[in-house]
PDB file of N, CA and C in Angstrom:
ATOM      1  N   MET A   1       8.983  -0.359  13.520  1.00  0.00           N
ATOM      2  CA  MET A   1       8.755  -1.255  14.632  1.00  0.00           C
ATOM      3  C   MET A   1       7.326  -1.784  14.555  1.00  0.00           C
ATOM      4  N   SER A   2       7.169  -3.082  14.816  1.00  0.00           N
ATOM      5  CA  SER A   2       5.870  -3.723  14.648  1.00  0.00           C
ATOM      6  C   SER A   2       4.938  -3.537  15.840  1.00  0.00           C
ATOM      7  N   GLY A   3       5.457  -3.145  16.979  1.00  0.00           N
ATOM      8  CA  GLY A   3       4.613  -2.982  18.151  1.00  0.00           C
ATOM      9  C   GLY A   3       4.282  -4.291  18.840  1.00  0.00           C
ATOM     10  N   GLY A   4       4.938  -5.380  18.438  1.00  0.00           N
ATOM     11  CA  GLY A   4       4.706  -6.684  19.048  1.00  0.00           C
ATOM     12  C   GLY A   4       5.407  -6.793  20.386  1.00  0.00           C
ATOM     13  N   PRO A   5       5.337  -7.965  20.991  1.00  0.00           N
ATOM     14  CA  PRO A   5       5.969  -8.153  22.290  1.00  0.00           C
ATOM     15  C   PRO A   5       7.490  -8.051  22.191  1.00  0.00           C
ATOM     16  N   THR A   6       8.099  -7.579  23.262  1.00  0.00           N
ATOM     17  CA  THR A   6       9.544  -7.531  23.345  1.00  0.00           C
ATOM     18  C   THR A   6      10.034  -8.889  23.817  1.00  0.00           C
ATOM     19  N   ILE A   7      11.041  -9.417  23.140  1.00  0.00           N
ATOM     20  CA  ILE A   7      11.585 -10.728  23.495  1.00  0.00           C
ATOM     21  C   ILE A   7      12.965 -10.530  24.099  1.00  0.00           C
ATOM     22  N   HIS A   8      13.169 -11.105  25.265  1.00  0.00           N
ATOM     23  CA  HIS A   8      14.465 -11.079  25.931  1.00  0.00           C
ATOM     24  C   HIS A   8      14.984 -12.510  25.980  1.00  0.00           C
ATOM     25  N   LEU A   9      16.261 -12.675  25.720  1.00  0.00           N
ATOM     26  CA  LEU A   9      16.866 -14.000  25.765  1.00  0.00           C
ATOM     27  C   LEU A   9      17.526 -14.220  27.112  1.00  0.00           C
ATOM     28  N   LYS A  10      17.387 -15.444  27.592  1.00  0.00           N
ATOM     29  CA  LYS A  10      17.978 -15.801  28.870  1.00  0.00           C
ATOM     30  C   LYS A  10      18.307 -17.286  28.833  1.00  0.00           C
ATOM     31  N   ARG A  11      19.452 -17.643  29.358  1.00  0.00           N
ATOM     32  CA  ARG A  11      19.816 -19.059  29.418  1.00  0.00           C
ATOM     33  C   ARG A  11      18.901 -19.796  30.388  1.00  0.00           C
ATOM     34  N   ALA A  12      18.611 -21.026  30.083  1.00  0.00           N
ATOM     35  CA  ALA A  12      17.743 -21.834  30.939  1.00  0.00           C
ATOM     36  C   ALA A  12      18.370 -22.049  32.320  1.00  0.00           C
ATOM     37  N   TYR A  13      19.677 -21.948  32.405  1.00  0.00           N
ATOM     38  CA  TYR A  13      20.368 -22.175  33.677  1.00  0.00           C
ATOM     39  C   TYR A  13      20.363 -20.953  34.591  1.00  0.00           C
ATOM     40  N   GLU A  14      19.927 -19.813  34.083  1.00  0.00           N
ATOM     41  CA  GLU A  14      19.804 -18.623  34.925  1.00  0.00           C
ATOM     42  C   GLU A  14      18.496 -18.726  35.707  1.00  0.00           C
ATOM     43  N   PRO A  15      18.519 -18.368  36.987  1.00  0.00           N
ATOM     44  CA  PRO A  15      17.291 -18.484  37.790  1.00  0.00           C
ATOM     45  C   PRO A  15      16.156 -17.606  37.257  1.00  0.00           C
ATOM     46  N   ALA A  16      14.950 -18.111  37.405  1.00  0.00           N
ATOM     47  CA  ALA A  16      13.763 -17.336  37.015  1.00  0.00           C
ATOM     48  C   ALA A  16      13.621 -16.135  37.949  1.00  0.00           C
ATOM     49  N   GLN A  17      13.180 -15.025  37.375  1.00  0.00           N
ATOM     50  CA  GLN A  17      12.968 -13.797  38.132  1.00  0.00           C
ATOM     51  C   GLN A  17      11.528 -13.332  37.907  1.00  0.00           C
ATOM     52  N   PRO A  18      10.937 -12.657  38.878  1.00  0.00           N
ATOM     53  CA  PRO A  18       9.573 -12.150  38.689  1.00  0.00           C
ATOM     54  C   PRO A  18       9.462 -11.206  37.485  1.00  0.00           C
ATOM     55  N   SER A  19      10.547 -10.531  37.131  1.00  0.00           N
ATOM     56  CA  SER A  19      10.524  -9.581  36.017  1.00  0.00           C
ATOM     57  C   SER A  19      10.670 -10.260  34.654  1.00  0.00           C
ATOM     58  N   ASP A  20      10.829 -11.570  34.617  1.00  0.00           N
ATOM     59  CA  ASP A  20      11.051 -12.282  33.348  1.00  0.00           C
ATOM     60  C   ASP A  20       9.870 -12.202  32.392  1.00  0.00           C
ATOM     61  N   GLY A  21       8.680 -12.117  32.895  1.00  0.00           N
ATOM     62  CA  GLY A  21       7.519 -12.193  32.011  1.00  0.00           C
ATOM     63  C   GLY A  21       7.271 -13.637  31.628  1.00  0.00           C
ATOM     64  N   LYS A  22       6.680 -13.853  30.466  1.00  0.00           N
ATOM     65  CA  LYS A  22       6.388 -15.204  29.997  1.00  0.00           C
ATOM     66  C   LYS A  22       7.695 -15.894  29.640  1.00  0.00           C
ATOM     67  N   ARG A  23       7.887 -17.089  30.171  1.00  0.00           N
ATOM     68  CA  ARG A  23       9.129 -17.841  29.944  1.00  0.00           C
ATOM     69  C   ARG A  23       8.857 -19.024  29.025  1.00  0.00           C
ATOM     70  N   ILE A  24       9.538 -19.029  27.872  1.00  0.00           N
ATOM     71  CA  ILE A  24       9.343 -20.073  26.869  1.00  0.00           C
ATOM     72  C   ILE A  24      10.696 -20.663  26.517  1.00  0.00           C
ATOM     73  N   LEU A  25      10.835 -21.962  26.705  1.00  0.00           N
ATOM     74  CA  LEU A  25      12.061 -22.654  26.317  1.00  0.00           C
ATOM     75  C   LEU A  25      11.962 -23.002  24.840  1.00  0.00           C
ATOM     76  N   VAL A  26      12.899 -22.481  24.043  1.00  0.00           N
ATOM     77  CA  VAL A  26      12.934 -22.767  22.602  1.00  0.00           C
ATOM     78  C   VAL A  26      14.151 -23.651  22.369  1.00  0.00           C
ATOM     79  N   GLU A  27      13.949 -24.937  22.572  1.00  0.00           N
ATOM     80  CA  GLU A  27      15.025 -25.928  22.478  1.00  0.00           C
ATOM     81  C   GLU A  27      14.382 -27.300  22.407  1.00  0.00           C
ATOM     82  N   ARG A  28      14.960 -28.190  21.613  1.00  0.00           N
ATOM     83  CA  ARG A  28      14.407 -29.540  21.501  1.00  0.00           C
ATOM     84  C   ARG A  28      14.779 -30.414  22.693  1.00  0.00           C
ATOM     85  N   LEU A  29      15.921 -30.125  23.302  1.00  0.00           N
ATOM     86  CA  LEU A  29      16.406 -30.932  24.422  1.00  0.00           C
ATOM     87  C   LEU A  29      16.178 -30.202  25.741  1.00  0.00           C
ATOM     88  N   TRP A  30      15.764 -30.943  26.749  1.00  0.00           N
ATOM     89  CA  TRP A  30      15.590 -30.345  28.067  1.00  0.00           C
ATOM     90  C   TRP A  30      16.976 -30.072  28.660  1.00  0.00           C
ATOM     91  N   PRO A  31      17.180 -28.913  29.289  1.00  0.00           N
ATOM     92  CA  PRO A  31      18.491 -28.596  29.874  1.00  0.00           C
ATOM     93  C   PRO A  31      18.833 -29.537  31.034  1.00  0.00           C
ATOM     94  N   ARG A  32      20.031 -30.068  31.000  1.00  0.00           N
ATOM     95  CA  ARG A  32      20.473 -31.017  32.026  1.00  0.00           C
ATOM     96  C   ARG A  32      20.493 -30.371  33.407  1.00  0.00           C
ATOM     97  N   GLY A  33      20.054 -31.147  34.381  1.00  0.00           N
ATOM     98  CA  GLY A  33      20.146 -30.724  35.768  1.00  0.00           C
ATOM     99  C   GLY A  33      19.129 -29.686  36.207  1.00  0.00           C
ATOM    100  N   ILE A  34      18.161 -29.358  35.359  1.00  0.00           N
ATOM    101  CA  ILE A  34      17.137 -28.359  35.690  1.00  0.00           C
ATOM    102  C   ILE A  34      15.797 -29.077  35.828  1.00  0.00           C
ATOM    103  N   THR A  35      15.124 -28.850  36.933  1.00  0.00           N
ATOM    104  CA  THR A  35      13.792 -29.425  37.099  1.00  0.00           C
ATOM    105  C   THR A  35      12.762 -28.508  36.444  1.00  0.00           C
ATOM    106  N   LYS A  36      11.589 -29.041  36.210  1.00  0.00           N
ATOM    107  CA  LYS A  36      10.523 -28.226  35.635  1.00  0.00           C
ATOM    108  C   LYS A  36      10.164 -27.078  36.573  1.00  0.00           C
ATOM    109  N   GLU A  37      10.221 -27.325  37.860  1.00  0.00           N
ATOM    110  CA  GLU A  37       9.918 -26.271  38.833  1.00  0.00           C
ATOM    111  C   GLU A  37      10.974 -25.162  38.767  1.00  0.00           C
ATOM    112  N   GLU A  38      12.245 -25.534  38.681  1.00  0.00           N
ATOM    113  CA  GLU A  38      13.321 -24.544  38.604  1.00  0.00           C
ATOM    114  C   GLU A  38      13.229 -23.724  37.316  1.00  0.00           C
ATOM    115  N   ALA A  39      12.853 -24.377  36.239  1.00  0.00           N
ATOM    116  CA  ALA A  39      12.767 -23.690  34.952  1.00  0.00           C
ATOM    117  C   ALA A  39      11.630 -22.666  34.948  1.00  0.00           C
ATOM    118  N   ALA A  40      10.591 -22.936  35.683  1.00  0.00           N
ATOM    119  CA  ALA A  40       9.443 -22.019  35.788  1.00  0.00           C
ATOM    120  C   ALA A  40       8.962 -21.543  34.421  1.00  0.00           C
ATOM    121  N   LEU A  41       8.728 -22.497  33.530  1.00  0.00           N
ATOM    122  CA  LEU A  41       8.341 -22.178  32.156  1.00  0.00           C
ATOM    123  C   LEU A  41       6.830 -22.040  31.996  1.00  0.00           C
ATOM    124  N   ASP A  42       6.456 -21.195  31.054  1.00  0.00           N
ATOM    125  CA  ASP A  42       5.065 -21.106  30.623  1.00  0.00           C
ATOM    126  C   ASP A  42       4.807 -22.050  29.459  1.00  0.00           C
ATOM    127  N   ALA A  43       5.869 -22.348  28.700  1.00  0.00           N
ATOM    128  CA  ALA A  43       5.728 -23.244  27.546  1.00  0.00           C
ATOM    129  C   ALA A  43       7.105 -23.768  27.140  1.00  0.00           C
ATOM    130  N   TRP A  44       7.076 -24.909  26.450  1.00  0.00           N
ATOM    131  CA  TRP A  44       8.290 -25.493  25.881  1.00  0.00           C
ATOM    132  C   TRP A  44       8.041 -25.597  24.384  1.00  0.00           C
ATOM    133  N   ALA A  45       8.657 -24.707  23.616  1.00  0.00           N
ATOM    134  CA  ALA A  45       8.408 -24.591  22.175  1.00  0.00           C
ATOM    135  C   ALA A  45       9.435 -25.390  21.376  1.00  0.00           C
ATOM    136  N   LYS A  46       9.352 -26.708  21.469  1.00  0.00           N
ATOM    137  CA  LYS A  46      10.293 -27.573  20.753  1.00  0.00           C
ATOM    138  C   LYS A  46      10.223 -27.349  19.239  1.00  0.00           C
ATOM    139  N   ASP A  47       9.007 -27.124  18.745  1.00  0.00           N
ATOM    140  CA  ASP A  47       8.812 -27.025  17.297  1.00  0.00           C
ATOM    141  C   ASP A  47       9.351 -25.727  16.699  1.00  0.00           C
ATOM    142  N   VAL A  48       9.759 -24.775  17.518  1.00  0.00           N
ATOM    143  CA  VAL A  48      10.334 -23.528  17.012  1.00  0.00           C
ATOM    144  C   VAL A  48      11.861 -23.612  16.997  1.00  0.00           C
ATOM    145  N   SER A  49      12.409 -24.569  17.704  1.00  0.00           N
ATOM    146  CA  SER A  49      13.863 -24.680  17.826  1.00  0.00           C
ATOM    147  C   SER A  49      14.498 -25.220  16.538  1.00  0.00           C
ATOM    148  N   PRO A  50      15.806 -25.014  16.387  1.00  0.00           N
ATOM    149  CA  PRO A  50      16.508 -25.532  15.212  1.00  0.00           C
ATOM    150  C   PRO A  50      16.459 -27.059  15.158  1.00  0.00           C
ATOM    151  N   SER A  51      16.542 -27.605  13.966  1.00  0.00           N
ATOM    152  CA  SER A  51      16.555 -29.056  13.794  1.00  0.00           C
ATOM    153  C   SER A  51      17.832 -29.633  14.404  1.00  0.00           C
ATOM    154  N   PRO A  52      17.801 -30.917  14.763  1.00  0.00           N
ATOM    155  CA  PRO A  52      19.020 -31.544  15.297  1.00  0.00           C
ATOM    156  C   PRO A  52      20.212 -31.442  14.329  1.00  0.00           C
ATOM    157  N   GLU A  53      19.930 -31.566  13.049  1.00  0.00           N
ATOM    158  CA  GLU A  53      21.010 -31.472  12.054  1.00  0.00           C
ATOM    159  C   GLU A  53      21.626 -30.079  12.037  1.00  0.00           C
ATOM    160  N   LEU A  54      20.774 -29.061  12.112  1.00  0.00           N
ATOM    161  CA  LEU A  54      21.271 -27.684  12.093  1.00  0.00           C
ATOM    162  C   LEU A  54      22.045 -27.375  13.376  1.00  0.00           C
ATOM    163  N   ARG A  55      21.558 -27.817  14.505  1.00  0.00           N
ATOM    164  CA  ARG A  55      22.272 -27.617  15.775  1.00  0.00           C
ATOM    165  C   ARG A  55      23.658 -28.247  15.713  1.00  0.00           C
ATOM    166  N   LYS A  56      23.718 -29.477  15.180  1.00  0.00           N
ATOM    167  CA  LYS A  56      25.001 -30.194  15.094  1.00  0.00           C
ATOM    168  C   LYS A  56      25.953 -29.459  14.165  1.00  0.00           C
ATOM    169  N   TRP A  57      25.449 -28.996  13.020  1.00  0.00           N
ATOM    170  CA  TRP A  57      26.294 -28.267  12.072  1.00  0.00           C
ATOM    171  C   TRP A  57      26.834 -26.986  12.707  1.00  0.00           C
ATOM    172  N   TYR A  58      25.991 -26.252  13.394  1.00  0.00           N
ATOM    173  CA  TYR A  58      26.382 -24.966  13.983  1.00  0.00           C
ATOM    174  C   TYR A  58      27.434 -25.152  15.075  1.00  0.00           C
ATOM    175  N   ALA A  59      27.218 -26.096  15.963  1.00  0.00           N
ATOM    176  CA  ALA A  59      28.170 -26.432  17.028  1.00  0.00           C
ATOM    177  C   ALA A  59      28.616 -25.212  17.838  1.00  0.00           C
ATOM    178  N   HIS A  60      27.747 -24.240  17.993  1.00  0.00           N
ATOM    179  CA  HIS A  60      28.024 -23.021  18.783  1.00  0.00           C
ATOM    180  C   HIS A  60      29.252 -22.261  18.298  1.00  0.00           C
ATOM    181  N   ASP A  61      29.481 -22.300  16.993  1.00  0.00           N
ATOM    182  CA  ASP A  61      30.615 -21.584  16.382  1.00  0.00           C
ATOM    183  C   ASP A  61      30.139 -20.199  15.954  1.00  0.00           C
ATOM    184  N   PRO A  62      30.575 -19.131  16.647  1.00  0.00           N
ATOM    185  CA  PRO A  62      30.103 -17.773  16.319  1.00  0.00           C
ATOM    186  C   PRO A  62      30.351 -17.369  14.863  1.00  0.00           C
ATOM    187  N   GLU A  63      31.370 -17.908  14.239  1.00  0.00           N
ATOM    188  CA  GLU A  63      31.639 -17.560  12.836  1.00  0.00           C
ATOM    189  C   GLU A  63      30.561 -18.100  11.897  1.00  0.00           C
ATOM    190  N   LYS A  64      29.838 -19.116  12.331  1.00  0.00           N
ATOM    191  CA  LYS A  64      28.777 -19.705  11.509  1.00  0.00           C
ATOM    192  C   LYS A  64      27.425 -19.017  11.728  1.00  0.00           C
ATOM    193  N   TRP A  65      27.354 -18.032  12.634  1.00  0.00           N
ATOM    194  CA  TRP A  65      26.083 -17.411  12.990  1.00  0.00           C
ATOM    195  C   TRP A  65      25.307 -16.860  11.796  1.00  0.00           C
ATOM    196  N   PRO A  66      25.930 -16.087  10.892  1.00  0.00           N
ATOM    197  CA  PRO A  66      25.146 -15.575   9.746  1.00  0.00           C
ATOM    198  C   PRO A  66      24.535 -16.705   8.905  1.00  0.00           C
ATOM    199  N   GLU A  67      25.317 -17.732   8.637  1.00  0.00           N
ATOM    200  CA  GLU A  67      24.805 -18.857   7.848  1.00  0.00           C
ATOM    201  C   GLU A  67      23.767 -19.654   8.635  1.00  0.00           C
ATOM    202  N   PHE A  68      23.981 -19.781   9.933  1.00  0.00           N
ATOM    203  CA  PHE A  68      23.009 -20.471  10.790  1.00  0.00           C
ATOM    204  C   PHE A  68      21.648 -19.800  10.685  1.00  0.00           C
ATOM    205  N   GLN A  69      21.626 -18.455  10.754  1.00  0.00           N
ATOM    206  CA  GLN A  69      20.365 -17.727  10.672  1.00  0.00           C
ATOM    207  C   GLN A  69      19.644 -18.024   9.361  1.00  0.00           C
ATOM    208  N   LYS A  70      20.387 -18.013   8.250  1.00  0.00           N
ATOM    209  CA  LYS A  70      19.782 -18.311   6.940  1.00  0.00           C
ATOM    210  C   LYS A  70      19.216 -19.723   6.908  1.00  0.00           C
ATOM    211  N   ARG A  71      20.003 -20.681   7.382  1.00  0.00           N
ATOM    212  CA  ARG A  71      19.564 -22.078   7.357  1.00  0.00           C
ATOM    213  C   ARG A  71      18.378 -22.307   8.291  1.00  0.00           C
ATOM    214  N   TYR A  72      18.394 -21.641   9.448  1.00  0.00           N
ATOM    215  CA  TYR A  72      17.280 -21.779  10.390  1.00  0.00           C
ATOM    216  C   TYR A  72      15.992 -21.274   9.752  1.00  0.00           C
ATOM    217  N   ARG A  73      16.054 -20.087   9.147  1.00  0.00           N
ATOM    218  CA  ARG A  73      14.852 -19.533   8.509  1.00  0.00           C
ATOM    219  C   ARG A  73      14.346 -20.437   7.389  1.00  0.00           C
ATOM    220  N   ALA A  74      15.263 -20.966   6.590  1.00  0.00           N
ATOM    221  CA  ALA A  74      14.859 -21.871   5.508  1.00  0.00           C
ATOM    222  C   ALA A  74      14.248 -23.141   6.087  1.00  0.00           C
ATOM    223  N   ASP A  75      14.832 -23.663   7.154  1.00  0.00           N
ATOM    224  CA  ASP A  75      14.340 -24.864   7.809  1.00  0.00           C
ATOM    225  C   ASP A  75      12.929 -24.645   8.348  1.00  0.00           C
ATOM    226  N   LYS A  76      12.698 -23.515   9.003  1.00  0.00           N
ATOM    227  CA  LYS A  76      11.380 -23.233   9.567  1.00  0.00           C
ATOM    228  C   LYS A  76      10.362 -22.923   8.479  1.00  0.00           C
ATOM    229  N   ASP A  77      10.800 -22.269   7.401  1.00  0.00           N
ATOM    230  CA  ASP A  77       9.875 -21.996   6.298  1.00  0.00           C
ATOM    231  C   ASP A  77       9.384 -23.297   5.688  1.00  0.00           C
ATOM    232  N   GLU A  78      10.259 -24.306   5.643  1.00  0.00           N
ATOM    233  CA  GLU A  78       9.851 -25.590   5.098  1.00  0.00           C
ATOM    234  C   GLU A  78       8.852 -26.281   6.023  1.00  0.00           C
ATOM    235  N   GLU A  79       9.083 -26.205   7.325  1.00  0.00           N
ATOM    236  CA  GLU A  79       8.180 -26.861   8.287  1.00  0.00           C
ATOM    237  C   GLU A  79       6.873 -26.097   8.400  1.00  0.00           C
ATOM    238  N   ARG A  80       6.981 -24.892   8.928  1.00  0.00           N
ATOM    239  CA  ARG A  80       5.853 -23.980   9.131  1.00  0.00           C
ATOM    240  C   ARG A  80       6.441 -22.612   9.378  1.00  0.00           C
ATOM    241  N   ASN A  81       5.614 -21.621   9.431  1.00  0.00           N
ATOM    242  CA  ASN A  81       6.076 -20.263   9.679  1.00  0.00           C
ATOM    243  C   ASN A  81       6.463 -20.145  11.155  1.00  0.00           C
ATOM    244  N   SER A  82       7.771 -20.049  11.443  1.00  0.00           N
ATOM    245  CA  SER A  82       8.228 -20.020  12.836  1.00  0.00           C
ATOM    246  C   SER A  82       7.732 -18.796  13.582  1.00  0.00           C
ATOM    247  N   ALA A  83       7.558 -17.685  12.904  1.00  0.00           N
ATOM    248  CA  ALA A  83       7.022 -16.495  13.574  1.00  0.00           C
ATOM    249  C   ALA A  83       5.607 -16.771  14.072  1.00  0.00           C
ATOM    250  N   ALA A  84       4.819 -17.459  13.285  1.00  0.00           N
ATOM    251  CA  ALA A  84       3.455 -17.795  13.697  1.00  0.00           C
ATOM    252  C   ALA A  84       3.477 -18.767  14.872  1.00  0.00           C
ATOM    253  N   LEU A  85       4.424 -19.705  14.849  1.00  0.00           N
ATOM    254  CA  LEU A  85       4.542 -20.645  15.959  1.00  0.00           C
ATOM    255  C   LEU A  85       4.894 -19.917  17.249  1.00  0.00           C
ATOM    256  N   LEU A  86       5.874 -19.038  17.172  1.00  0.00           N
ATOM    257  CA  LEU A  86       6.291 -18.312  18.369  1.00  0.00           C
ATOM    258  C   LEU A  86       5.170 -17.394  18.859  1.00  0.00           C
ATOM    259  N   ARG A  87       4.453 -16.765  17.934  1.00  0.00           N
ATOM    260  CA  ARG A  87       3.314 -15.919  18.308  1.00  0.00           C
ATOM    261  C   ARG A  87       2.278 -16.728  19.096  1.00  0.00           C
ATOM    262  N   ARG A  88       2.073 -17.976  18.674  1.00  0.00           N
ATOM    263  CA  ARG A  88       1.129 -18.836  19.367  1.00  0.00           C
ATOM    264  C   ARG A  88       1.557 -19.031  20.823  1.00  0.00           C
ATOM    265  N   TYR A  89       2.849 -19.227  21.048  1.00  0.00           N
ATOM    266  CA  TYR A  89       3.333 -19.411  22.419  1.00  0.00           C
ATOM    267  C   TYR A  89       3.271 -18.114  23.216  1.00  0.00           C
ATOM    268  N   LEU A  90       3.612 -17.006  22.578  1.00  0.00           N
ATOM    269  CA  LEU A  90       3.654 -15.731  23.283  1.00  0.00           C
ATOM    270  C   LEU A  90       2.275 -15.154  23.565  1.00  0.00           C
ATOM    271  N   LEU A  91       1.402 -15.238  22.571  1.00  0.00           N
ATOM    272  CA  LEU A  91       0.115 -14.558  22.678  1.00  0.00           C
ATOM    273  C   LEU A  91      -1.075 -15.506  22.786  1.00  0.00           C
ATOM    274  N   GLY A  92      -0.805 -16.798  22.661  1.00  0.00           N
ATOM    275  CA  GLY A  92      -1.897 -17.769  22.726  1.00  0.00           C
ATOM    276  C   GLY A  92      -2.804 -17.719  21.518  1.00  0.00           C
ATOM    277  N   ARG A  93      -2.251 -17.301  20.355  1.00  0.00           N
ATOM    278  CA  ARG A  93      -3.058 -17.219  19.123  1.00  0.00           C
ATOM    279  C   ARG A  93      -2.583 -18.213  18.108  1.00  0.00           C
TER     280      ARG A  93
END
């Protein structure tokens, strides 16, 4: 275990809770029908989210999840190190 921050996933449509901690939206598109106040975000990490092409290919098909993970990592490795990007949002570094 690396001792880094614990990351919990939550849908943007679920209400913010005081126990949420730092809230970061990792998505290129803003969720429909949610105001910025309702989202209660600390950051919007568009650059960490999957590319539009990868999102379209995946189409929320659970059977494609293993391949999606591989393609996402390759996509982010080509752009920049996604772990470093997310660390910047989480830790401000």
